[in-house]
Amino acid sequence: MPNLVLEYSNSVEERINIQGLLEDLHQVALDSGLFEVSSVKSRTLRCHHWLVGNVADSEDFIHVQFELLDGRTPAQKRELSQQLMDVLLSQASHVYSLTIDLRDMDKDCFMKIIRN
């Protein structure tokens, strides 16, 4: 049940194929072997308003929020984070800020319903 959310400043869209980037990041999660393929969900969030330090919105960013159920080792999570960053660097190295936040979700509090 991982959720990958690719957030980006709208200025990035002019220079990067966002759909292609999302697909490549999604593929990293699929190829990691850490998740059931059918449980991986990825999406984008375009930010129209943002602030970075004291330069306001003159600098662009891409941030990947990756949430997964707890149970993976720190080494597995570091490797996944590095593979995601490798994709960002290969396609968006010219973007001012590239960040990844990989977080564990609490299995005891997570709920899921799948309708057929």
PDB file of N, CA and C in Angstrom:
ATOM      1  N   MET A   1       0.818  -1.179   0.000  1.00  0.00           N
ATOM      2  CA  MET A   1       0.000   0.000   0.000  1.00  0.00           C
ATOM      3  C   MET A   1       0.860   1.239   0.000  1.00  0.00           C
ATOM      4  N   PRO A   2       1.820   1.348  -0.845  1.00  0.00           N
ATOM      5  CA  PRO A   2       2.544   2.612  -0.893  1.00  0.00           C
ATOM      6  C   PRO A   2       1.789   3.660  -1.711  1.00  0.00           C
ATOM      7  N   ASN A   3       1.935   4.899  -1.282  1.00  0.00           N
ATOM      8  CA  ASN A   3       1.395   6.053  -2.000  1.00  0.00           C
ATOM      9  C   ASN A   3       2.557   6.963  -2.351  1.00  0.00           C
ATOM     10  N   LEU A   4       2.755   7.196  -3.628  1.00  0.00           N
ATOM     11  CA  LEU A   4       3.785   8.110  -4.099  1.00  0.00           C
ATOM     12  C   LEU A   4       3.082   9.363  -4.610  1.00  0.00           C
ATOM     13  N   VAL A   5       3.438  10.502  -4.039  1.00  0.00           N
ATOM     14  CA  VAL A   5       2.855  11.771  -4.463  1.00  0.00           C
ATOM     15  C   VAL A   5       3.989  12.663  -4.962  1.00  0.00           C
ATOM     16  N   LEU A   6       3.925  13.033  -6.216  1.00  0.00           N
ATOM     17  CA  LEU A   6       4.912  13.906  -6.844  1.00  0.00           C
ATOM     18  C   LEU A   6       4.355  15.327  -6.836  1.00  0.00           C
ATOM     19  N   GLU A   7       4.882  16.154  -5.948  1.00  0.00           N
ATOM     20  CA  GLU A   7       4.478  17.559  -5.885  1.00  0.00           C
ATOM     21  C   GLU A   7       5.497  18.380  -6.668  1.00  0.00           C
ATOM     22  N   TYR A   8       5.021  19.392  -7.368  1.00  0.00           N
ATOM     23  CA  TYR A   8       5.944  20.210  -8.148  1.00  0.00           C
ATOM     24  C   TYR A   8       5.382  21.613  -8.356  1.00  0.00           C
ATOM     25  N   SER A   9       6.279  22.562  -8.473  1.00  0.00           N
ATOM     26  CA  SER A   9       5.868  23.926  -8.783  1.00  0.00           C
ATOM     27  C   SER A   9       5.459  23.979 -10.252  1.00  0.00           C
ATOM     28  N   ASN A  10       4.452  24.775 -10.537  1.00  0.00           N
ATOM     29  CA  ASN A  10       3.928  24.796 -11.905  1.00  0.00           C
ATOM     30  C   ASN A  10       4.963  25.220 -12.935  1.00  0.00           C
ATOM     31  N   SER A  11       5.995  25.917 -12.521  1.00  0.00           N
ATOM     32  CA  SER A  11       7.058  26.325 -13.449  1.00  0.00           C
ATOM     33  C   SER A  11       7.848  25.127 -13.972  1.00  0.00           C
ATOM     34  N   VAL A  12       7.846  24.036 -13.250  1.00  0.00           N
ATOM     35  CA  VAL A  12       8.577  22.834 -13.660  1.00  0.00           C
ATOM     36  C   VAL A  12       7.934  22.202 -14.888  1.00  0.00           C
ATOM     37  N   GLU A  13       6.630  22.322 -14.980  1.00  0.00           N
ATOM     38  CA  GLU A  13       5.881  21.667 -16.046  1.00  0.00           C
ATOM     39  C   GLU A  13       6.321  22.118 -17.447  1.00  0.00           C
ATOM     40  N   GLU A  14       6.860  23.320 -17.535  1.00  0.00           N
ATOM     41  CA  GLU A  14       7.307  23.844 -18.826  1.00  0.00           C
ATOM     42  C   GLU A  14       8.568  23.140 -19.334  1.00  0.00           C
ATOM     43  N   ARG A  15       9.324  22.517 -18.417  1.00  0.00           N
ATOM     44  CA  ARG A  15      10.627  21.963 -18.792  1.00  0.00           C
ATOM     45  C   ARG A  15      10.766  20.465 -18.588  1.00  0.00           C
ATOM     46  N   ILE A  16       9.772  19.847 -17.966  1.00  0.00           N
ATOM     47  CA  ILE A  16       9.869  18.426 -17.642  1.00  0.00           C
ATOM     48  C   ILE A  16       8.582  17.725 -18.055  1.00  0.00           C
ATOM     49  N   ASN A  17       8.715  16.530 -18.565  1.00  0.00           N
ATOM     50  CA  ASN A  17       7.568  15.688 -18.879  1.00  0.00           C
ATOM     51  C   ASN A  17       7.092  15.077 -17.563  1.00  0.00           C
ATOM     52  N   ILE A  18       6.116  15.693 -16.930  1.00  0.00           N
ATOM     53  CA  ILE A  18       5.648  15.274 -15.612  1.00  0.00           C
ATOM     54  C   ILE A  18       5.065  13.867 -15.662  1.00  0.00           C
ATOM     55  N   GLN A  19       4.260  13.561 -16.658  1.00  0.00           N
ATOM     56  CA  GLN A  19       3.681  12.217 -16.763  1.00  0.00           C
ATOM     57  C   GLN A  19       4.784  11.168 -16.897  1.00  0.00           C
ATOM     58  N   GLY A  20       5.780  11.445 -17.717  1.00  0.00           N
ATOM     59  CA  GLY A  20       6.899  10.512 -17.877  1.00  0.00           C
ATOM     60  C   GLY A  20       7.687  10.333 -16.591  1.00  0.00           C
ATOM     61  N   LEU A  21       7.902  11.429 -15.879  1.00  0.00           N
ATOM     62  CA  LEU A  21       8.601  11.364 -14.601  1.00  0.00           C
ATOM     63  C   LEU A  21       7.806  10.535 -13.603  1.00  0.00           C
ATOM     64  N   LEU A  22       6.497  10.766 -13.527  1.00  0.00           N
ATOM     65  CA  LEU A  22       5.647  10.002 -12.621  1.00  0.00           C
ATOM     66  C   LEU A  22       5.711   8.509 -12.959  1.00  0.00           C
ATOM     67  N   GLU A  23       5.639   8.183 -14.236  1.00  0.00           N
ATOM     68  CA  GLU A  23       5.691   6.780 -14.650  1.00  0.00           C
ATOM     69  C   GLU A  23       7.015   6.137 -14.255  1.00  0.00           C
ATOM     70  N   ASP A  24       8.116   6.863 -14.407  1.00  0.00           N
ATOM     71  CA  ASP A  24       9.428   6.323 -14.051  1.00  0.00           C
ATOM     72  C   ASP A  24       9.569   6.136 -12.536  1.00  0.00           C
ATOM     73  N   LEU A  25       9.067   7.074 -11.752  1.00  0.00           N
ATOM     74  CA  LEU A  25       9.099   6.934 -10.295  1.00  0.00           C
ATOM     75  C   LEU A  25       8.217   5.761  -9.864  1.00  0.00           C
ATOM     76  N   HIS A  26       7.058   5.644 -10.475  1.00  0.00           N
ATOM     77  CA  HIS A  26       6.138   4.536 -10.195  1.00  0.00           C
ATOM     78  C   HIS A  26       6.826   3.198 -10.492  1.00  0.00           C
ATOM     79  N   GLN A  27       7.556   3.149 -11.587  1.00  0.00           N
ATOM     80  CA  GLN A  27       8.246   1.912 -11.976  1.00  0.00           C
ATOM     81  C   GLN A  27       9.308   1.531 -10.954  1.00  0.00           C
ATOM     82  N   VAL A  28       9.984   2.522 -10.372  1.00  0.00           N
ATOM     83  CA  VAL A  28      10.964   2.235  -9.318  1.00  0.00           C
ATOM     84  C   VAL A  28      10.278   1.508  -8.169  1.00  0.00           C
ATOM     85  N   ALA A  29       9.116   1.992  -7.761  1.00  0.00           N
ATOM     86  CA  ALA A  29       8.379   1.342  -6.675  1.00  0.00           C
ATOM     87  C   ALA A  29       7.979  -0.079  -7.064  1.00  0.00           C
ATOM     88  N   LEU A  30       7.501  -0.254  -8.297  1.00  0.00           N
ATOM     89  CA  LEU A  30       7.110  -1.581  -8.763  1.00  0.00           C
ATOM     90  C   LEU A  30       8.298  -2.540  -8.782  1.00  0.00           C
ATOM     91  N   ASP A  31       9.437  -2.054  -9.242  1.00  0.00           N
ATOM     92  CA  ASP A  31      10.633  -2.890  -9.389  1.00  0.00           C
ATOM     93  C   ASP A  31      11.365  -3.153  -8.085  1.00  0.00           C
ATOM     94  N   SER A  32      11.017  -2.432  -7.035  1.00  0.00           N
ATOM     95  CA  SER A  32      11.741  -2.555  -5.768  1.00  0.00           C
ATOM     96  C   SER A  32      11.575  -3.923  -5.120  1.00  0.00           C
ATOM     97  N   GLY A  33      10.473  -4.602  -5.425  1.00  0.00           N
ATOM     98  CA  GLY A  33      10.203  -5.884  -4.793  1.00  0.00           C
ATOM     99  C   GLY A  33       9.697  -5.759  -3.369  1.00  0.00           C
ATOM    100  N   LEU A  34       9.428  -4.550  -2.929  1.00  0.00           N
ATOM    101  CA  LEU A  34       8.983  -4.317  -1.558  1.00  0.00           C
ATOM    102  C   LEU A  34       7.464  -4.320  -1.409  1.00  0.00           C
ATOM    103  N   PHE A  35       6.738  -4.295  -2.536  1.00  0.00           N
ATOM    104  CA  PHE A  35       5.297  -4.112  -2.493  1.00  0.00           C
ATOM    105  C   PHE A  35       4.603  -5.036  -3.481  1.00  0.00           C
ATOM    106  N   GLU A  36       3.328  -5.311  -3.210  1.00  0.00           N
ATOM    107  CA  GLU A  36       2.502  -5.967  -4.208  1.00  0.00           C
ATOM    108  C   GLU A  36       2.265  -4.956  -5.325  1.00  0.00           C
ATOM    109  N   VAL A  37       2.468  -5.349  -6.539  1.00  0.00           N
ATOM    110  CA  VAL A  37       2.349  -4.437  -7.673  1.00  0.00           C
ATOM    111  C   VAL A  37       0.993  -3.735  -7.683  1.00  0.00           C
ATOM    112  N   SER A  38      -0.065  -4.471  -7.407  1.00  0.00           N
ATOM    113  CA  SER A  38      -1.411  -3.892  -7.474  1.00  0.00           C
ATOM    114  C   SER A  38      -1.681  -2.865  -6.376  1.00  0.00           C
ATOM    115  N   SER A  39      -0.812  -2.791  -5.381  1.00  0.00           N
ATOM    116  CA  SER A  39      -1.056  -1.865  -4.272  1.00  0.00           C
ATOM    117  C   SER A  39      -0.349  -0.522  -4.436  1.00  0.00           C
ATOM    118  N   VAL A  40       0.525  -0.389  -5.412  1.00  0.00           N
ATOM    119  CA  VAL A  40       1.295   0.846  -5.599  1.00  0.00           C
ATOM    120  C   VAL A  40       0.422   1.894  -6.282  1.00  0.00           C
ATOM    121  N   LYS A  41       0.312   3.067  -5.639  1.00  0.00           N
ATOM    122  CA  LYS A  41      -0.485   4.168  -6.187  1.00  0.00           C
ATOM    123  C   LYS A  41       0.405   5.393  -6.313  1.00  0.00           C
ATOM    124  N   SER A  42       0.369   6.041  -7.461  1.00  0.00           N
ATOM    125  CA  SER A  42       1.183   7.234  -7.698  1.00  0.00           C
ATOM    126  C   SER A  42       0.323   8.323  -8.322  1.00  0.00           C
ATOM    127  N   ARG A  43       0.607   9.556  -7.951  1.00  0.00           N
ATOM    128  CA  ARG A  43      -0.160  10.680  -8.483  1.00  0.00           C
ATOM    129  C   ARG A  43       0.672  11.955  -8.383  1.00  0.00           C
ATOM    130  N   THR A  44       0.204  13.000  -9.037  1.00  0.00           N
ATOM    131  CA  THR A  44       0.899  14.288  -8.996  1.00  0.00           C
ATOM    132  C   THR A  44       0.018  15.346  -8.352  1.00  0.00           C
ATOM    133  N   LEU A  45       0.681  16.326  -7.792  1.00  0.00           N
ATOM    134  CA  LEU A  45       0.020  17.520  -7.274  1.00  0.00           C
ATOM    135  C   LEU A  45       0.802  18.728  -7.773  1.00  0.00           C
ATOM    136  N   ARG A  46       0.174  19.522  -8.599  1.00  0.00           N
ATOM    137  CA  ARG A  46       0.794  20.731  -9.142  1.00  0.00           C
ATOM    138  C   ARG A  46       0.531  21.891  -8.185  1.00  0.00           C
ATOM    139  N   CYS A  47       1.566  22.573  -7.788  1.00  0.00           N
ATOM    140  CA  CYS A  47       1.438  23.698  -6.854  1.00  0.00           C
ATOM    141  C   CYS A  47       1.473  25.008  -7.635  1.00  0.00           C
ATOM    142  N   HIS A  48       0.450  25.810  -7.453  1.00  0.00           N
ATOM    143  CA  HIS A  48       0.359  27.096  -8.128  1.00  0.00           C
ATOM    144  C   HIS A  48       0.948  28.220  -7.282  1.00  0.00           C
ATOM    145  N   HIS A  49       1.017  28.010  -5.993  1.00  0.00           N
ATOM    146  CA  HIS A  49       1.544  29.022  -5.084  1.00  0.00           C
ATOM    147  C   HIS A  49       2.524  28.338  -4.137  1.00  0.00           C
ATOM    148  N   TRP A  50       3.720  28.900  -3.982  1.00  0.00           N
ATOM    149  CA  TRP A  50       4.717  28.322  -3.095  1.00  0.00           C
ATOM    150  C   TRP A  50       5.711  29.399  -2.694  1.00  0.00           C
ATOM    151  N   LEU A  51       6.424  29.113  -1.642  1.00  0.00           N
ATOM    152  CA  LEU A  51       7.483  29.994  -1.158  1.00  0.00           C
ATOM    153  C   LEU A  51       8.709  29.143  -0.870  1.00  0.00           C
ATOM    154  N   VAL A  52       9.877  29.654  -1.230  1.00  0.00           N
ATOM    155  CA  VAL A  52      11.139  28.980  -0.936  1.00  0.00           C
ATOM    156  C   VAL A  52      12.063  30.013  -0.316  1.00  0.00           C
ATOM    157  N   GLY A  53      12.373  29.831   0.968  1.00  0.00           N
ATOM    158  CA  GLY A  53      13.277  30.753   1.643  1.00  0.00           C
ATOM    159  C   GLY A  53      12.861  32.193   1.456  1.00  0.00           C
ATOM    160  N   ASN A  54      13.822  33.038   1.110  1.00  0.00           N
ATOM    161  CA  ASN A  54      13.515  34.451   0.895  1.00  0.00           C
ATOM    162  C   ASN A  54      13.464  34.814  -0.588  1.00  0.00           C
ATOM    163  N   VAL A  55      13.395  33.794  -1.451  1.00  0.00           N
ATOM    164  CA  VAL A  55      13.303  34.053  -2.891  1.00  0.00           C
ATOM    165  C   VAL A  55      11.885  33.830  -3.412  1.00  0.00           C
ATOM    166  N   ALA A  56      10.958  33.645  -2.484  1.00  0.00           N
ATOM    167  CA  ALA A  56       9.535  33.472  -2.810  1.00  0.00           C
ATOM    168  C   ALA A  56       9.335  32.362  -3.823  1.00  0.00           C
ATOM    169  N   ASP A  57       8.619  32.656  -4.911  1.00  0.00           N
ATOM    170  CA  ASP A  57       8.316  31.620  -5.892  1.00  0.00           C
ATOM    171  C   ASP A  57       9.193  31.718  -7.137  1.00  0.00           C
ATOM    172  N   SER A  58      10.350  32.338  -7.020  1.00  0.00           N
ATOM    173  CA  SER A  58      11.241  32.452  -8.178  1.00  0.00           C
ATOM    174  C   SER A  58      12.090  31.192  -8.368  1.00  0.00           C
ATOM    175  N   GLU A  59      12.078  30.293  -7.414  1.00  0.00           N
ATOM    176  CA  GLU A  59      12.800  29.022  -7.542  1.00  0.00           C
ATOM    177  C   GLU A  59      11.790  27.883  -7.587  1.00  0.00           C
ATOM    178  N   ASP A  60      12.063  26.907  -8.446  1.00  0.00           N
ATOM    179  CA  ASP A  60      11.133  25.802  -8.601  1.00  0.00           C
ATOM    180  C   ASP A  60      11.544  24.605  -7.745  1.00  0.00           C
ATOM    181  N   PHE A  61      10.636  23.657  -7.611  1.00  0.00           N
ATOM    182  CA  PHE A  61      10.913  22.484  -6.782  1.00  0.00           C
ATOM    183  C   PHE A  61      10.143  21.269  -7.270  1.00  0.00           C
ATOM    184  N   ILE A  62      10.668  20.111  -6.880  1.00  0.00           N
ATOM    185  CA  ILE A  62       9.957  18.841  -6.988  1.00  0.00           C
ATOM    186  C   ILE A  62      10.144  18.144  -5.643  1.00  0.00           C
ATOM    187  N   HIS A  63       9.051  17.680  -5.086  1.00  0.00           N
ATOM    188  CA  HIS A  63       9.097  16.954  -3.821  1.00  0.00           C
ATOM    189  C   HIS A  63       8.321  15.654  -3.977  1.00  0.00           C
ATOM    190  N   VAL A  64       8.943  14.550  -3.617  1.00  0.00           N
ATOM    191  CA  VAL A  64       8.280  13.252  -3.651  1.00  0.00           C
ATOM    192  C   VAL A  64       7.974  12.839  -2.220  1.00  0.00           C
ATOM    193  N   GLN A  65       6.702  12.661  -1.949  1.00  0.00           N
ATOM    194  CA  GLN A  65       6.242  12.129  -0.660  1.00  0.00           C
ATOM    195  C   GLN A  65       5.902  10.668  -0.903  1.00  0.00           C
ATOM    196  N   PHE A  66       6.565   9.773  -0.188  1.00  0.00           N
ATOM    197  CA  PHE A  66       6.342   8.342  -0.382  1.00  0.00           C
ATOM    198  C   PHE A  66       5.959   7.741   0.966  1.00  0.00           C
ATOM    199  N   GLU A  67       4.714   7.309   1.074  1.00  0.00           N
ATOM    200  CA  GLU A  67       4.213   6.722   2.315  1.00  0.00           C
ATOM    201  C   GLU A  67       4.024   5.227   2.118  1.00  0.00           C
ATOM    202  N   LEU A  68       4.502   4.439   3.078  1.00  0.00           N
ATOM    203  CA  LEU A  68       4.375   3.004   3.006  1.00  0.00           C
ATOM    204  C   LEU A  68       4.073   2.454   4.394  1.00  0.00           C
ATOM    205  N   LEU A  69       3.438   1.304   4.427  1.00  0.00           N
ATOM    206  CA  LEU A  69       3.171   0.675   5.706  1.00  0.00           C
ATOM    207  C   LEU A  69       4.482   0.275   6.354  1.00  0.00           C
ATOM    208  N   ASP A  70       4.577   0.425   7.663  1.00  0.00           N
ATOM    209  CA  ASP A  70       5.819   0.110   8.361  1.00  0.00           C
ATOM    210  C   ASP A  70       6.153  -1.370   8.203  1.00  0.00           C
ATOM    211  N   GLY A  71       7.418  -1.691   8.404  1.00  0.00           N
ATOM    212  CA  GLY A  71       7.857  -3.075   8.282  1.00  0.00           C
ATOM    213  C   GLY A  71       9.079  -3.260   7.403  1.00  0.00           C
ATOM    214  N   ARG A  72       9.477  -2.224   6.654  1.00  0.00           N
ATOM    215  CA  ARG A  72      10.684  -2.327   5.832  1.00  0.00           C
ATOM    216  C   ARG A  72      11.880  -1.895   6.669  1.00  0.00           C
ATOM    217  N   THR A  73      13.033  -2.436   6.348  1.00  0.00           N
ATOM    218  CA  THR A  73      14.243  -2.097   7.088  1.00  0.00           C
ATOM    219  C   THR A  73      14.731  -0.713   6.686  1.00  0.00           C
ATOM    220  N   PRO A  74      15.514  -0.069   7.541  1.00  0.00           N
ATOM    221  CA  PRO A  74      16.104   1.219   7.154  1.00  0.00           C
ATOM    222  C   PRO A  74      16.918   1.111   5.867  1.00  0.00           C
ATOM    223  N   ALA A  75      17.623   0.026   5.685  1.00  0.00           N
ATOM    224  CA  ALA A  75      18.429  -0.143   4.462  1.00  0.00           C
ATOM    225  C   ALA A  75      17.530  -0.218   3.225  1.00  0.00           C
ATOM    226  N   GLN A  76      16.414  -0.930   3.318  1.00  0.00           N
ATOM    227  CA  GLN A  76      15.476  -1.015   2.188  1.00  0.00           C
ATOM    228  C   GLN A  76      14.909   0.364   1.856  1.00  0.00           C
ATOM    229  N   LYS A  77      14.584   1.123   2.885  1.00  0.00           N
ATOM    230  CA  LYS A  77      14.009   2.452   2.667  1.00  0.00           C
ATOM    231  C   LYS A  77      15.048   3.412   2.093  1.00  0.00           C
ATOM    232  N   ARG A  78      16.278   3.334   2.563  1.00  0.00           N
ATOM    233  CA  ARG A  78      17.347   4.191   2.004  1.00  0.00           C
ATOM    234  C   ARG A  78      17.576   3.867   0.530  1.00  0.00           C
ATOM    235  N   GLU A  79      17.598   2.581   0.202  1.00  0.00           N
ATOM    236  CA  GLU A  79      17.811   2.167  -1.188  1.00  0.00           C
ATOM    237  C   GLU A  79      16.675   2.666  -2.082  1.00  0.00           C
ATOM    238  N   LEU A  80      15.449   2.526  -1.626  1.00  0.00           N
ATOM    239  CA  LEU A  80      14.303   3.016  -2.394  1.00  0.00           C
ATOM    240  C   LEU A  80      14.386   4.526  -2.579  1.00  0.00           C
ATOM    241  N   SER A  81      14.700   5.231  -1.517  1.00  0.00           N
ATOM    242  CA  SER A  81      14.832   6.685  -1.590  1.00  0.00           C
ATOM    243  C   SER A  81      15.923   7.082  -2.586  1.00  0.00           C
ATOM    244  N   GLN A  82      17.049   6.385  -2.561  1.00  0.00           N
ATOM    245  CA  GLN A  82      18.147   6.689  -3.483  1.00  0.00           C
ATOM    246  C   GLN A  82      17.750   6.416  -4.927  1.00  0.00           C
ATOM    247  N   GLN A  83      17.035   5.327  -5.159  1.00  0.00           N
ATOM    248  CA  GLN A  83      16.596   5.015  -6.525  1.00  0.00           C
ATOM    249  C   GLN A  83      15.617   6.070  -7.041  1.00  0.00           C
ATOM    250  N   LEU A  84      14.737   6.548  -6.179  1.00  0.00           N
ATOM    251  CA  LEU A  84      13.820   7.613  -6.572  1.00  0.00           C
ATOM    252  C   LEU A  84      14.590   8.894  -6.883  1.00  0.00           C
ATOM    253  N   MET A  85      15.590   9.220  -6.058  1.00  0.00           N
ATOM    254  CA  MET A  85      16.393  10.418  -6.304  1.00  0.00           C
ATOM    255  C   MET A  85      17.181  10.285  -7.598  1.00  0.00           C
ATOM    256  N   ASP A  86      17.666   9.093  -7.904  1.00  0.00           N
ATOM    257  CA  ASP A  86      18.392   8.883  -9.164  1.00  0.00           C
ATOM    258  C   ASP A  86      17.509   9.235 -10.360  1.00  0.00           C
ATOM    259  N   VAL A  87      16.230   8.859 -10.291  1.00  0.00           N
ATOM    260  CA  VAL A  87      15.300   9.201 -11.371  1.00  0.00           C
ATOM    261  C   VAL A  87      15.113  10.715 -11.443  1.00  0.00           C
ATOM    262  N   LEU A  88      14.927  11.355 -10.289  1.00  0.00           N
ATOM    263  CA  LEU A  88      14.782  12.819 -10.281  1.00  0.00           C
ATOM    264  C   LEU A  88      16.011  13.485 -10.887  1.00  0.00           C
ATOM    265  N   LEU A  89      17.183  13.045 -10.480  1.00  0.00           N
ATOM    266  CA  LEU A  89      18.415  13.656 -10.996  1.00  0.00           C
ATOM    267  C   LEU A  89      18.589  13.433 -12.490  1.00  0.00           C
ATOM    268  N   SER A  90      18.143  12.280 -12.982  1.00  0.00           N
ATOM    269  CA  SER A  90      18.302  12.008 -14.413  1.00  0.00           C
ATOM    270  C   SER A  90      17.371  12.852 -15.273  1.00  0.00           C
ATOM    271  N   GLN A  91      16.234  13.291 -14.710  1.00  0.00           N
ATOM    272  CA  GLN A  91      15.259  14.016 -15.511  1.00  0.00           C
ATOM    273  C   GLN A  91      15.063  15.467 -15.095  1.00  0.00           C
ATOM    274  N   ALA A  92      15.529  15.824 -13.895  1.00  0.00           N
ATOM    275  CA  ALA A  92      15.216  17.164 -13.383  1.00  0.00           C
ATOM    276  C   ALA A  92      16.381  17.788 -12.626  1.00  0.00           C
ATOM    277  N   SER A  93      17.589  17.494 -13.025  1.00  0.00           N
ATOM    278  CA  SER A  93      18.755  18.001 -12.290  1.00  0.00           C
ATOM    279  C   SER A  93      18.840  19.523 -12.306  1.00  0.00           C
ATOM    280  N   HIS A  94      18.185  20.169 -13.249  1.00  0.00           N
ATOM    281  CA  HIS A  94      18.205  21.625 -13.355  1.00  0.00           C
ATOM    282  C   HIS A  94      17.176  22.305 -12.443  1.00  0.00           C
ATOM    283  N   VAL A  95      16.323  21.520 -11.782  1.00  0.00           N
ATOM    284  CA  VAL A  95      15.336  22.085 -10.860  1.00  0.00           C
ATOM    285  C   VAL A  95      16.041  22.492  -9.573  1.00  0.00           C
ATOM    286  N   TYR A  96      15.690  23.646  -9.044  1.00  0.00           N
ATOM    287  CA  TYR A  96      16.353  24.225  -7.880  1.00  0.00           C
ATOM    288  C   TYR A  96      16.366  23.298  -6.672  1.00  0.00           C
ATOM    289  N   SER A  97      15.222  22.723  -6.325  1.00  0.00           N
ATOM    290  CA  SER A  97      15.124  21.885  -5.128  1.00  0.00           C
ATOM    291  C   SER A  97      14.475  20.547  -5.466  1.00  0.00           C
ATOM    292  N   LEU A  98      15.188  19.464  -5.172  1.00  0.00           N
ATOM    293  CA  LEU A  98      14.673  18.105  -5.340  1.00  0.00           C
ATOM    294  C   LEU A  98      14.698  17.440  -3.970  1.00  0.00           C
ATOM    295  N   THR A  99      13.550  16.990  -3.492  1.00  0.00           N
ATOM    296  CA  THR A  99      13.503  16.357  -2.177  1.00  0.00           C
ATOM    297  C   THR A  99      12.615  15.117  -2.210  1.00  0.00           C
ATOM    298  N   ILE A 100      12.934  14.200  -1.302  1.00  0.00           N
ATOM    299  CA  ILE A 100      12.151  12.980  -1.131  1.00  0.00           C
ATOM    300  C   ILE A 100      11.928  12.786   0.354  1.00  0.00           C
ATOM    301  N   ASP A 101      10.702  12.488   0.728  1.00  0.00           N
ATOM    302  CA  ASP A 101      10.365  12.180   2.110  1.00  0.00           C
ATOM    303  C   ASP A 101       9.664  10.835   2.122  1.00  0.00           C
ATOM    304  N   LEU A 102      10.338   9.821   2.627  1.00  0.00           N
ATOM    305  CA  LEU A 102       9.798   8.484   2.699  1.00  0.00           C
ATOM    306  C   LEU A 102       9.384   8.224   4.145  1.00  0.00           C
ATOM    307  N   ARG A 103       8.100   7.927   4.366  1.00  0.00           N
ATOM    308  CA  ARG A 103       7.572   7.788   5.731  1.00  0.00           C
ATOM    309  C   ARG A 103       6.803   6.491   5.909  1.00  0.00           C
ATOM    310  N   ASP A 104       6.939   5.944   7.118  1.00  0.00           N
ATOM    311  CA  ASP A 104       6.148   4.782   7.499  1.00  0.00           C
ATOM    312  C   ASP A 104       4.772   5.212   7.984  1.00  0.00           C
ATOM    313  N   MET A 105       3.767   4.456   7.572  1.00  0.00           N
ATOM    314  CA  MET A 105       2.420   4.645   8.081  1.00  0.00           C
ATOM    315  C   MET A 105       2.176   3.576   9.148  1.00  0.00           C
ATOM    316  N   ASP A 106       1.354   3.870  10.102  1.00  0.00           N
ATOM    317  CA  ASP A 106       1.049   2.953  11.190  1.00  0.00           C
ATOM    318  C   ASP A 106       0.034   1.919  10.727  1.00  0.00           C
ATOM    319  N   LYS A 107       0.435   0.644  10.709  1.00  0.00           N
ATOM    320  CA  LYS A 107      -0.466  -0.439  10.267  1.00  0.00           C
ATOM    321  C   LYS A 107      -1.728  -0.513  11.119  1.00  0.00           C
ATOM    322  N   ASP A 108      -1.600  -0.186  12.404  1.00  0.00           N
ATOM    323  CA  ASP A 108      -2.757  -0.281  13.295  1.00  0.00           C
ATOM    324  C   ASP A 108      -3.819   0.774  12.998  1.00  0.00           C
ATOM    325  N   CYS A 109      -3.431   1.860  12.361  1.00  0.00           N
ATOM    326  CA  CYS A 109      -4.363   2.953  12.092  1.00  0.00           C
ATOM    327  C   CYS A 109      -4.790   3.029  10.622  1.00  0.00           C
ATOM    328  N   PHE A 110      -4.100   2.354   9.741  1.00  0.00           N
ATOM    329  CA  PHE A 110      -4.405   2.411   8.326  1.00  0.00           C
ATOM    330  C   PHE A 110      -5.648   1.573   8.026  1.00  0.00           C
ATOM    331  N   MET A 111      -6.522   2.100   7.205  1.00  0.00           N
ATOM    332  CA  MET A 111      -7.720   1.392   6.776  1.00  0.00           C
ATOM    333  C   MET A 111      -7.810   1.433   5.256  1.00  0.00           C
ATOM    334  N   LYS A 112      -8.359   0.380   4.689  1.00  0.00           N
ATOM    335  CA  LYS A 112      -8.467   0.294   3.236  1.00  0.00           C
ATOM    336  C   LYS A 112      -9.717  -0.493   2.869  1.00  0.00           C
ATOM    337  N   ILE A 113     -10.440   0.017   1.889  1.00  0.00           N
ATOM    338  CA  ILE A 113     -11.595  -0.683   1.332  1.00  0.00           C
ATOM    339  C   ILE A 113     -11.421  -0.725  -0.172  1.00  0.00           C
ATOM    340  N   ILE A 114     -11.581  -1.890  -0.747  1.00  0.00           N
ATOM    341  CA  ILE A 114     -11.535  -2.047  -2.194  1.00  0.00           C
ATOM    342  C   ILE A 114     -12.893  -2.572  -2.618  1.00  0.00           C
ATOM    343  N   ARG A 115     -13.542  -1.864  -3.502  1.00  0.00           N
ATOM    344  CA  ARG A 115     -14.868  -2.277  -3.974  1.00  0.00           C
ATOM    345  C   ARG A 115     -14.726  -2.999  -5.305  1.00  0.00           C
ATOM    346  N   ASN A 116     -15.472  -4.056  -5.446  1.00  0.00           N
ATOM    347  CA  ASN A 116     -15.446  -4.830  -6.699  1.00  0.00           C
ATOM    348  C   ASN A 116     -16.540  -4.392  -7.619  1.00  0.00           C
TER     349      ASN A 116
END
